[in-house]
C-alpha atoms as a PDB file:
ATOM      1  CA  MET A   1     122.928 288.314-118.279  1.00  0.00           C
ATOM      2  CA  ALA A   2     126.216 286.553-118.224  1.00  0.00           C
ATOM      3  CA  PRO A   3     127.081 284.600-121.341  1.00  0.00           C
ATOM      4  CA  THR A   4     127.431 281.329-119.402  1.00  0.00           C
ATOM      5  CA  THR A   5     124.071 281.703-117.897  1.00  0.00           C
ATOM      6  CA  LEU A   6     122.438 282.391-121.231  1.00  0.00           C
ATOM      7  CA  LEU A   7     124.090 279.354-122.717  1.00  0.00           C
ATOM      8  CA  ALA A   8     122.818 277.127-119.984  1.00  0.00           C
ATOM      9  CA  VAL A   9     119.205 278.355-120.474  1.00  0.00           C
ATOM     10  CA  LEU A  10     119.373 277.647-124.177  1.00  0.00           C
ATOM     11  CA  VAL A  11     120.686 274.141-123.678  1.00  0.00           C
ATOM     12  CA  ALA A  12     117.961 273.377-121.161  1.00  0.00           C
ATOM     13  CA  THR A  13     115.271 274.692-123.494  1.00  0.00           C
ATOM     14  CA  VAL A  14     116.446 272.580-126.396  1.00  0.00           C
ATOM     15  CA  ALA A  15     116.611 269.520-124.182  1.00  0.00           C
ATOM     16  CA  VAL A  16     113.066 270.075-123.054  1.00  0.00           C
ATOM     17  CA  LEU A  17     111.805 270.438-126.567  1.00  0.00           C
ATOM     18  CA  LEU A  18     113.608 267.330-127.772  1.00  0.00           C
ATOM     19  CA  SER A  19     112.660 265.095-124.815  1.00  0.00           C
ATOM     20  CA  PRO A  20     109.516 262.805-125.243  1.00  0.00           C
ATOM     21  CA  ALA A  21     108.554 263.020-121.652  1.00  0.00           C
ATOM     22  CA  VAL A  22     108.700 265.669-119.077  1.00  0.00           C
ATOM     23  CA  SER A  23     107.872 265.021-115.531  1.00  0.00           C
ATOM     24  CA  ARG A  24     106.862 267.477-113.088  1.00  0.00           C
ATOM     25  CA  ALA A  25     108.798 268.134-110.031  1.00  0.00           C
ATOM     26  CA  GLN A  26     107.707 269.733-106.924  1.00  0.00           C
ATOM     27  CA  CYS A  27     109.578 272.809-105.886  1.00  0.00           C
ATOM     28  CA  THR A  28     109.981 273.886-102.437  1.00  0.00           C
ATOM     29  CA  GLY A  29     111.770 276.633-100.675  1.00  0.00           C
ATOM     30  CA  ALA A  30     113.161 279.683-102.533  1.00  0.00           C
ATOM     31  CA  GLU A  31     114.101 277.809-105.720  1.00  0.00           C
ATOM     32  CA  ILE A  32     112.853 279.406-108.880  1.00  0.00           C
ATOM     33  CA  PHE A  33     111.998 276.088-110.464  1.00  0.00           C
ATOM     34  CA  CYS A  34     113.058 272.566-110.346  1.00  0.00           C
ATOM     35  CA  ALA A  35     112.619 269.956-113.008  1.00  0.00           C
ATOM     36  CA  SER A  36     113.588 266.433-113.601  1.00  0.00           C
ATOM     37  CA  VAL A  37     114.240 265.657-117.205  1.00  0.00           C
ATOM     38  CA  SER A  38     114.560 262.115-118.420  1.00  0.00           C
ATOM     39  CA  ILE A  39     116.191 261.645-121.712  1.00  0.00           C
ATOM     40  CA  GLY A  40     116.217 258.263-123.323  1.00  0.00           C
ATOM     41  CA  ALA A  41     113.576 255.436-123.534  1.00  0.00           C
ATOM     42  CA  PRO A  42     109.939 256.411-122.963  1.00  0.00           C
ATOM     43  CA  PRO A  43     108.477 255.594-119.523  1.00  0.00           C
ATOM     44  CA  PRO A  44     106.360 252.434-119.210  1.00  0.00           C
ATOM     45  CA  PRO A  45     102.641 252.893-119.501  1.00  0.00           C
ATOM     46  CA  PRO A  46     100.836 253.179-116.190  1.00  0.00           C
ATOM     47  CA  ARG A  47      99.545 249.924-114.764  1.00  0.00           C
ATOM     48  CA  ALA A  48      95.823 249.332-114.844  1.00  0.00           C
ATOM     49  CA  GLN A  49      94.356 249.621-111.396  1.00  0.00           C
ATOM     50  CA  VAL A  50      92.818 246.367-110.242  1.00  0.00           C
ATOM     51  CA  VAL A  51      89.699 246.962-108.224  1.00  0.00           C
ATOM     52  CA  VAL A  52      88.509 243.982-106.229  1.00  0.00           C
ATOM     53  CA  VAL A  53      84.816 244.262-105.405  1.00  0.00           C
ATOM     54  CA  GLN A  54      83.898 242.171-102.435  1.00  0.00           C
ATOM     55  CA  PRO A  55      80.289 241.564-101.495  1.00  0.00           C
ATOM     56  CA  ALA A  56      79.106 243.366 -98.482  1.00  0.00           C
ATOM     57  CA  PRO A  57      79.128 241.099 -95.462  1.00  0.00           C
ATOM     58  CA  PRO A  58      75.680 239.903 -94.370  1.00  0.00           C
ATOM     59  CA  PRO A  59      74.162 241.888 -91.620  1.00  0.00           C
ATOM     60  CA  PRO A  60      74.672 240.365 -88.251  1.00  0.00           C
ATOM     61  CA  PRO A  61      71.725 238.231 -87.102  1.00  0.00           C
ATOM     62  CA  VAL A  62      69.216 239.995 -85.004  1.00  0.00           C
ATOM     63  CA  VAL A  63      68.933 238.177 -81.711  1.00  0.00           C
ATOM     64  CA  VAL A  64      65.940 239.100 -79.658  1.00  0.00           C
ATOM     65  CA  TYR A  65      66.330 238.185 -76.073  1.00  0.00           C
ATOM     66  CA  ARG A  66      62.994 237.648 -74.420  1.00  0.00           C
ATOM     67  CA  PRO A  67      62.721 236.973 -70.727  1.00  0.00           C
ATOM     68  CA  ALA A  68      61.830 233.399 -69.846  1.00  0.00           C
ATOM     69  CA  PRO A  69      58.156 232.957 -68.912  1.00  0.00           C
ATOM     70  CA  PRO A  70      57.539 232.631 -65.222  1.00  0.00           C
ATOM     71  CA  PRO A  71      57.208 229.036 -64.032  1.00  0.00           C
ATOM     72  CA  PRO A  72      53.634 227.800 -63.803  1.00  0.00           C
ATOM     73  CA  PRO A  73      52.093 227.836 -60.374  1.00  0.00           C
ATOM     74  CA  PRO A  74      52.351 224.548 -58.524  1.00  0.00           C
ATOM     75  CA  ALA A  75      49.576 222.160 -59.339  1.00  0.00           C
ATOM     76  CA  VAL A  76      46.846 222.061 -56.759  1.00  0.00           C
ATOM     77  CA  VAL A  77      45.748 218.504 -56.129  1.00  0.00           C
ATOM     78  CA  VAL A  78      42.238 218.350 -54.767  1.00  0.00           C
ATOM     79  CA  VAL A  79      41.461 215.015 -53.190  1.00  0.00           C
ATOM     80  CA  GLU A  80      37.740 214.520 -53.223  1.00  0.00           C
ATOM     81  CA  PRO A  81      36.134 211.805 -51.144  1.00  0.00           C
ATOM     82  CA  ALA A  82      34.814 208.865 -53.040  1.00  0.00           C
ATOM     83  CA  PRO A  83      31.199 209.440 -54.009  1.00  0.00           C
ATOM     84  CA  GLN A  84      28.746 207.700 -51.808  1.00  0.00           C
ATOM     85  CA  PRO A  85      26.596 205.144 -53.538  1.00  0.00           C
ATOM     86  CA  VAL A  86      23.254 206.539 -54.484  1.00  0.00           C
ATOM     87  CA  VAL A  87      20.459 204.252 -53.486  1.00  0.00           C
ATOM     88  CA  THR A  88      17.388 204.675 -55.623  1.00  0.00           C
ATOM     89  CA  TYR A  89      14.154 202.887 -55.065  1.00  0.00           C
ATOM     90  CA  ASP A  90      12.967 202.565 -58.617  1.00  0.00           C
ATOM     91  CA  THR A  91      12.332 199.331 -60.430  1.00  0.00           C
ATOM     92  CA  VAL A  92      15.690 197.979 -59.231  1.00  0.00           C
ATOM     93  CA  TYR A  93      16.939 198.525 -55.706  1.00  0.00           C
ATOM     94  CA  GLU A  94      20.741 198.658 -55.664  1.00  0.00           C
ATOM     95  CA  VAL A  95      22.630 198.810 -52.389  1.00  0.00           C
ATOM     96  CA  ALA A  96      26.363 199.109 -51.794  1.00  0.00           C
ATOM     97  CA  PRO A  97      28.080 196.238 -49.955  1.00  0.00           C
ATOM     98  CA  GLU A  98      28.922 198.431 -46.984  1.00  0.00           C
ATOM     99  CA  ASP A  99      25.258 199.378 -46.647  1.00  0.00           C
ATOM    100  CA  ALA A 100      23.989 195.839 -46.865  1.00  0.00           C
ATOM    101  CA  ARG A 101      22.949 194.749 -43.447  1.00  0.00           C
ATOM    102  CA  GLY A 102      22.588 191.055 -42.783  1.00  0.00           C
ATOM    103  CA  LEU A 103      20.750 191.138 -39.455  1.00  0.00           C
ATOM    104  CA  GLY A 104      17.153 192.193 -39.004  1.00  0.00           C
ATOM    105  CA  LEU A 105      14.196 192.105 -36.657  1.00  0.00           C
ATOM    106  CA  HIS A 106      10.928 190.877 -38.103  1.00  0.00           C
ATOM    107  CA  ALA A 107       7.415 191.079 -36.678  1.00  0.00           C
ATOM    108  CA  HIS A 108       4.090 190.172 -38.162  1.00  0.00           C
ATOM    109  CA  LEU A 109       0.424 189.667 -37.414  1.00  0.00           C
ATOM    110  CA  GLY A 110      -0.956 186.269 -38.340  1.00  0.00           C
ATOM    111  CA  GLY A 111      -4.261 184.540 -38.337  1.00  0.00           C
ATOM    112  CA  MET A 112      -6.246 181.627 -39.646  1.00  0.00           C
ATOM    113  CA  GLY A 113      -9.951 181.176 -39.911  1.00  0.00           C
ATOM    114  CA  GLY A 114     -12.431 178.626 -41.103  1.00  0.00           C
ATOM    115  CA  GLU A 115     -15.796 177.067 -40.448  1.00  0.00           C
ATOM    116  CA  ARG A 116     -14.897 176.169 -36.865  1.00  0.00           C
ATOM    117  CA  VAL A 117     -11.522 177.897 -36.381  1.00  0.00           C
ATOM    118  CA  ALA A 118     -10.792 181.535 -35.546  1.00  0.00           C
ATOM    119  CA  MET A 119      -7.316 182.211 -34.223  1.00  0.00           C
ATOM    120  CA  GLY A 120      -4.900 185.080 -34.499  1.00  0.00           C
ATOM    121  CA  GLY A 121      -1.844 186.571 -32.851  1.00  0.00           C
ATOM    122  CA  ILE A 122       1.499 188.250 -33.172  1.00  0.00           C
ATOM    123  CA  ALA A 123       4.938 186.863 -34.008  1.00  0.00           C
ATOM    124  CA  GLY A 124       8.500 188.088 -33.824  1.00  0.00           C
ATOM    125  CA  ALA A 125      11.685 186.764 -35.374  1.00  0.00           C
ATOM    126  CA  VAL A 126      15.379 187.413 -35.805  1.00  0.00           C
ATOM    127  CA  ARG A 127      16.236 187.373 -39.497  1.00  0.00           C
ATOM    128  CA  TRP A 128      19.749 186.865 -40.803  1.00  0.00           C
ATOM    129  CA  ARG A 129      20.188 187.793 -44.442  1.00  0.00           C
ATOM    130  CA  PRO A 130      23.878 188.031 -45.427  1.00  0.00           C
ATOM    131  CA  ASP A 131      24.571 190.938 -47.825  1.00  0.00           C
ATOM    132  CA  LEU A 132      20.943 191.045 -48.880  1.00  0.00           C
ATOM    133  CA  GLY A 133      21.509 187.917 -50.943  1.00  0.00           C
ATOM    134  CA  HIS A 134      19.085 185.243 -52.041  1.00  0.00           C
ATOM    135  CA  PHE A 135      18.937 183.337 -48.768  1.00  0.00           C
ATOM    136  CA  ALA A 136      17.753 184.346 -45.325  1.00  0.00           C
ATOM    137  CA  LEU A 137      17.323 182.452 -42.062  1.00  0.00           C
ATOM    138  CA  ASP A 138      14.405 183.315 -39.829  1.00  0.00           C
ATOM    139  CA  LEU A 139      14.145 182.165 -36.193  1.00  0.00           C
ATOM    140  CA  GLY A 140      10.826 183.138 -34.653  1.00  0.00           C
ATOM    141  CA  MET A 141       8.220 182.727 -31.959  1.00  0.00           C
ATOM    142  CA  ALA A 142       4.534 183.615 -31.911  1.00  0.00           C
ATOM    143  CA  VAL A 143       1.544 183.754 -29.584  1.00  0.00           C
ATOM    144  CA  TYR A 144      -1.883 182.880 -30.977  1.00  0.00           C
ATOM    145  CA  GLY A 145      -5.257 182.737 -29.298  1.00  0.00           C
ATOM    146  CA  GLY A 146      -8.862 182.049 -30.190  1.00  0.00           C
ATOM    147  CA  GLU A 147     -11.198 179.150 -30.798  1.00  0.00           C
ATOM    148  CA  ASP A 148      -9.840 175.927 -32.263  1.00  0.00           C
ATOM    149  CA  TYR A 149     -11.381 173.199 -34.360  1.00  0.00           C
ATOM    150  CA  GLN A 150     -12.825 171.500 -31.289  1.00  0.00           C
ATOM    151  CA  GLY A 151     -14.560 174.682 -30.213  1.00  0.00           C
ATOM    152  CA  MET A 152     -12.213 175.059 -27.243  1.00  0.00           C
ATOM    153  CA  ARG A 153     -10.525 178.254 -26.179  1.00  0.00           C
ATOM    154  CA  ARG A 154      -6.929 177.848 -27.131  1.00  0.00           C
ATOM    155  CA  VAL A 155      -3.661 179.661 -26.486  1.00  0.00           C
ATOM    156  CA  GLU A 156      -0.761 178.425 -28.616  1.00  0.00           C
ATOM    157  CA  VAL A 157       2.936 179.301 -28.719  1.00  0.00           C
ATOM    158  CA  PRO A 158       4.755 178.098 -31.858  1.00  0.00           C
ATOM    159  CA  PHE A 159       8.520 178.210 -32.467  1.00  0.00           C
ATOM    160  CA  THR A 160       9.759 178.121 -36.054  1.00  0.00           C
ATOM    161  CA  ALA A 161      13.005 177.978 -37.990  1.00  0.00           C
ATOM    162  CA  ASN A 162      12.454 179.035 -41.607  1.00  0.00           C
ATOM    163  CA  LEU A 163      14.738 179.210 -44.617  1.00  0.00           C
ATOM    164  CA  LEU A 164      13.722 181.954 -47.054  1.00  0.00           C
ATOM    165  CA  TYR A 165      14.795 182.235 -50.683  1.00  0.00           C
ATOM    166  CA  PHE A 166      14.455 185.629 -52.390  1.00  0.00           C
ATOM    167  CA  PHE A 167      14.125 185.221 -56.142  1.00  0.00           C
ATOM    168  CA  ASN A 168      14.999 188.860 -56.982  1.00  0.00           C
ATOM    169  CA  PRO A 169      16.967 190.160 -53.973  1.00  0.00           C
ATOM    170  CA  ARG A 170      17.948 193.519 -55.552  1.00  0.00           C
ATOM    171  CA  SER A 171      14.485 194.579 -56.616  1.00  0.00           C
ATOM    172  CA  ARG A 172      12.270 196.895 -54.697  1.00  0.00           C
ATOM    173  CA  LEU A 173       9.450 194.339 -54.661  1.00  0.00           C
ATOM    174  CA  GLN A 174      10.898 190.922 -53.895  1.00  0.00           C
ATOM    175  CA  LEU A 175       9.260 187.539 -54.213  1.00  0.00           C
ATOM    176  CA  TYR A 176      10.326 184.875 -51.766  1.00  0.00           C
ATOM    177  CA  GLY A 177       9.508 181.336 -50.829  1.00  0.00           C
ATOM    178  CA  LEU A 178      10.004 179.719 -47.453  1.00  0.00           C
ATOM    179  CA  VAL A 179      10.233 176.270 -45.908  1.00  0.00           C
ATOM    180  CA  GLY A 180      10.729 175.482 -42.271  1.00  0.00           C
ATOM    181  CA  LEU A 181      10.353 173.297 -39.235  1.00  0.00           C
ATOM    182  CA  GLY A 182       8.451 174.087 -36.105  1.00  0.00           C
ATOM    183  CA  ALA A 183       7.327 173.002 -32.688  1.00  0.00           C
ATOM    184  CA  SER A 184       4.262 174.307 -30.925  1.00  0.00           C
ATOM    185  CA  PHE A 185       2.737 174.096 -27.471  1.00  0.00           C
ATOM    186  CA  ALA A 186      -0.924 174.755 -26.782  1.00  0.00           C
ATOM    187  CA  SER A 187      -3.367 174.824 -23.931  1.00  0.00           C
ATOM    188  CA  ALA A 188      -7.091 174.416 -24.621  1.00  0.00           C
ATOM    189  CA  GLU A 189     -10.142 174.625 -22.338  1.00  0.00           C
ATOM    190  CA  SER A 190     -13.839 174.099 -22.880  1.00  0.00           C
ATOM    191  CA  TYR A 191     -16.658 175.573 -20.784  1.00  0.00           C
ATOM    192  CA  ASP A 192     -20.192 174.390 -20.226  1.00  0.00           C
ATOM    193  CA  GLY A 193     -21.417 177.772 -19.025  1.00  0.00           C
ATOM    194  CA  VAL A 194     -21.973 176.690 -15.405  1.00  0.00           C
ATOM    195  CA  TRP A 195     -20.937 179.263 -12.827  1.00  0.00           C
ATOM    196  CA  ASP A 196     -18.856 177.787 -10.054  1.00  0.00           C
ATOM    197  CA  VAL A 197     -17.313 179.397  -7.002  1.00  0.00           C
ATOM    198  CA  GLY A 198     -14.578 181.691  -8.225  1.00  0.00           C
ATOM    199  CA  GLY A 199     -15.965 181.974 -11.789  1.00  0.00           C
ATOM    200  CA  PHE A 200     -16.503 179.728 -14.747  1.00  0.00           C
ATOM    201  CA  GLU A 201     -14.686 176.447 -14.365  1.00  0.00           C
ATOM    202  CA  PRO A 202     -13.694 174.587 -17.494  1.00  0.00           C
ATOM    203  CA  ASP A 203     -15.280 171.227 -17.907  1.00  0.00           C
ATOM    204  CA  GLU A 204     -12.246 170.112 -19.899  1.00  0.00           C
ATOM    205  CA  ALA A 205      -8.655 171.312 -20.121  1.00  0.00           C
ATOM    206  CA  ARG A 206      -5.902 169.815 -22.231  1.00  0.00           C
ATOM    207  CA  ASP A 207      -2.330 170.544 -23.126  1.00  0.00           C
ATOM    208  CA  PHE A 208      -0.883 169.759 -26.557  1.00  0.00           C
ATOM    209  CA  ALA A 209       2.556 169.579 -28.108  1.00  0.00           C
ATOM    210  CA  TYR A 210       3.267 169.401 -31.829  1.00  0.00           C
ATOM    211  CA  VAL A 211       6.108 169.113 -34.300  1.00  0.00           C
ATOM    212  CA  GLY A 212       5.708 169.758 -38.006  1.00  0.00           C
ATOM    213  CA  MET A 213       6.817 171.531 -41.131  1.00  0.00           C
ATOM    214  CA  LEU A 214       5.590 174.480 -43.121  1.00  0.00           C
ATOM    215  CA  GLY A 215       6.046 176.151 -46.483  1.00  0.00           C
ATOM    216  CA  GLY A 216       4.763 179.215 -48.218  1.00  0.00           C
ATOM    217  CA  VAL A 217       5.286 182.125 -50.554  1.00  0.00           C
ATOM    218  CA  GLY A 218       5.353 185.864 -49.917  1.00  0.00           C
ATOM    219  CA  LEU A 219       6.350 189.362 -51.012  1.00  0.00           C
ATOM    220  CA  GLU A 220       8.712 191.897 -49.420  1.00  0.00           C
ATOM    221  CA  LEU A 221       8.488 195.567 -50.380  1.00  0.00           C
ATOM    222  CA  ARG A 222      11.645 197.587 -49.709  1.00  0.00           C
ATOM    223  CA  LEU A 223      10.870 201.020 -48.272  1.00  0.00           C
ATOM    224  CA  GLY A 224      14.503 202.044 -47.755  1.00  0.00           C
ATOM    225  CA  ARG A 225      17.894 200.728 -46.821  1.00  0.00           C
ATOM    226  CA  HIS A 226      16.653 199.444 -43.505  1.00  0.00           C
ATOM    227  CA  TRP A 227      12.891 199.052 -43.722  1.00  0.00           C
ATOM    228  CA  ALA A 228      10.659 196.577 -45.539  1.00  0.00           C
ATOM    229  CA  VAL A 229       7.095 195.339 -45.256  1.00  0.00           C
ATOM    230  CA  ASN A 230       6.246 191.679 -45.744  1.00  0.00           C
ATOM    231  CA  GLY A 231       3.245 189.501 -46.353  1.00  0.00           C
ATOM    232  CA  ASP A 232       2.979 185.774 -46.980  1.00  0.00           C
ATOM    233  CA  VAL A 233       0.761 182.734 -46.873  1.00  0.00           C
ATOM    234  CA  ARG A 234       2.033 179.663 -45.004  1.00  0.00           C
ATOM    235  CA  GLY A 235       0.647 176.180 -45.002  1.00  0.00           C
ATOM    236  CA  PHE A 236       1.574 173.734 -42.251  1.00  0.00           C
ATOM    237  CA  VAL A 237       1.251 170.065 -41.402  1.00  0.00           C
ATOM    238  CA  ARG A 238       1.940 168.824 -37.879  1.00  0.00           C
ATOM    239  CA  ARG A 239       1.520 165.868 -35.572  1.00  0.00           C
ATOM    240  CA  ARG A 240       0.754 165.799 -31.880  1.00  0.00           C
ATOM    241  CA  VAL A 241       3.642 164.372 -29.794  1.00  0.00           C
ATOM    242  CA  ASP A 242       2.439 164.794 -26.200  1.00  0.00           C
ATOM    243  CA  ASP A 243       1.662 161.778 -23.997  1.00  0.00           C
ATOM    244  CA  HIS A 244      -2.106 162.286 -23.709  1.00  0.00           C
ATOM    245  CA  PRO A 245      -3.756 158.983 -24.629  1.00  0.00           C
ATOM    246  CA  GLU A 246      -6.853 160.366 -26.345  1.00  0.00           C
ATOM    247  CA  PRO A 247      -6.578 161.488 -29.957  1.00  0.00           C
ATOM    248  CA  GLU A 248      -7.148 165.152 -30.666  1.00  0.00           C
ATOM    249  CA  PHE A 249      -9.462 164.805 -33.653  1.00  0.00           C
ATOM    250  CA  VAL A 250     -12.343 162.352 -33.479  1.00  0.00           C
ATOM    251  CA  GLU A 251     -14.793 162.094 -36.326  1.00  0.00           C
ATOM    252  CA  ARG A 252     -18.470 162.220 -35.306  1.00  0.00           C
ATOM    253  CA  ASP A 253     -21.660 161.735 -37.233  1.00  0.00           C
ATOM    254  CA  ALA A 254     -24.575 164.111 -37.462  1.00  0.00           C
ATOM    255  CA  LEU A 255     -25.853 163.009 -34.048  1.00  0.00           C
ATOM    256  CA  GLY A 256     -22.453 163.610 -32.448  1.00  0.00           C
ATOM    257  CA  ARG A 257     -21.553 159.976 -32.087  1.00  0.00           C
ATOM    258  CA  PRO A 258     -17.957 158.913 -32.794  1.00  0.00           C
ATOM    259  CA  THR A 259     -17.509 157.148 -36.118  1.00  0.00           C
ATOM    260  CA  GLY A 260     -14.338 155.402 -34.981  1.00  0.00           C
ATOM    261  CA  ARG A 261     -12.032 157.511 -37.061  1.00  0.00           C
ATOM    262  CA  ALA A 262      -9.526 159.647 -35.149  1.00  0.00           C
ATOM    263  CA  THR A 263      -6.136 161.260 -35.795  1.00  0.00           C
ATOM    264  CA  ASP A 264      -3.449 163.350 -34.162  1.00  0.00           C
ATOM    265  CA  THR A 265      -2.272 164.854 -37.449  1.00  0.00           C
ATOM    266  CA  SER A 266      -3.600 168.231 -38.499  1.00  0.00           C
ATOM    267  CA  GLY A 267      -2.843 171.069 -40.882  1.00  0.00           C
ATOM    268  CA  GLY A 268      -3.908 174.539 -41.847  1.00  0.00           C
ATOM    269  CA  VAL A 269      -3.076 177.804 -43.563  1.00  0.00           C
ATOM    270  CA  VAL A 270      -1.840 180.964 -41.850  1.00  0.00           C
ATOM    271  CA  GLY A 271      -1.673 184.409 -43.437  1.00  0.00           C
ATOM    272  CA  THR A 272       0.805 187.004 -42.134  1.00  0.00           C
ATOM    273  CA  LEU A 273       1.419 190.711 -42.586  1.00  0.00           C
ATOM    274  CA  GLY A 274       4.432 192.416 -40.990  1.00  0.00           C
ATOM    275  CA  ALA A 275       7.603 194.454 -41.306  1.00  0.00           C
ATOM    276  CA  THR A 276      11.352 193.950 -41.053  1.00  0.00           C
ATOM    277  CA  LEU A 277      14.012 196.323 -39.748  1.00  0.00           C
ATOM    278  CA  TYR A 278      17.462 195.608 -41.216  1.00  0.00           C
ATOM    279  CA  PHE A 279      20.473 196.893 -39.278  1.00  0.00           C
END
């Protein structure tokens, strides 16, 4: 080894031994070694590594996408007809206004009897009863026949106009009162039993005309919306108004002689039983 080379190696060795710090150097290529020697003040201590710990970010929110519910089906509107009123025929008879009929046809059988009177017949009337209320108007006509107080065969045709008042018009069984005016026309004949040519000839025939008033009380039983049965008792007072000069009623004694008392005013009681059809 050359002396210069050996001297250089020694110097480098001493420098390495006397130096407080030796740093490594990387060698590359075909160099035998490479070193970096720092002679002088010691190197500064290594800086402490600052580690910043950050919290983990929150997980992203979980969003669940659900499909929107289908729209509800369209509402079905069912229009039902208004319920028809139910008519019951219990203790109380209720009828709707549209079913209340104000016009009716009435018919009845009537008769009166007594010690010397036996008459009967049939009657018909037009009855107007608005909305089945308390009041009714009855316009009627009848035909009666039989034996009258004088013992004569009589046929009588009365005409009446009656005002009826129903005390409980919505009940099945209705109580009513009536008052009215009337006019009547009668034809009476008496026979002595003698056979004449062509049959029995009356020995007396008379025509009568009367005006008077009547009143009574009765019951009407409702059988349905349109049908009812009726019965009443009617009393009447009337006066003869024809132009015949002789009085109709002459009082006689037990021997049949006139007592001098006579009148053209009479009265009586008639019972009726019939039915009414309301439209």
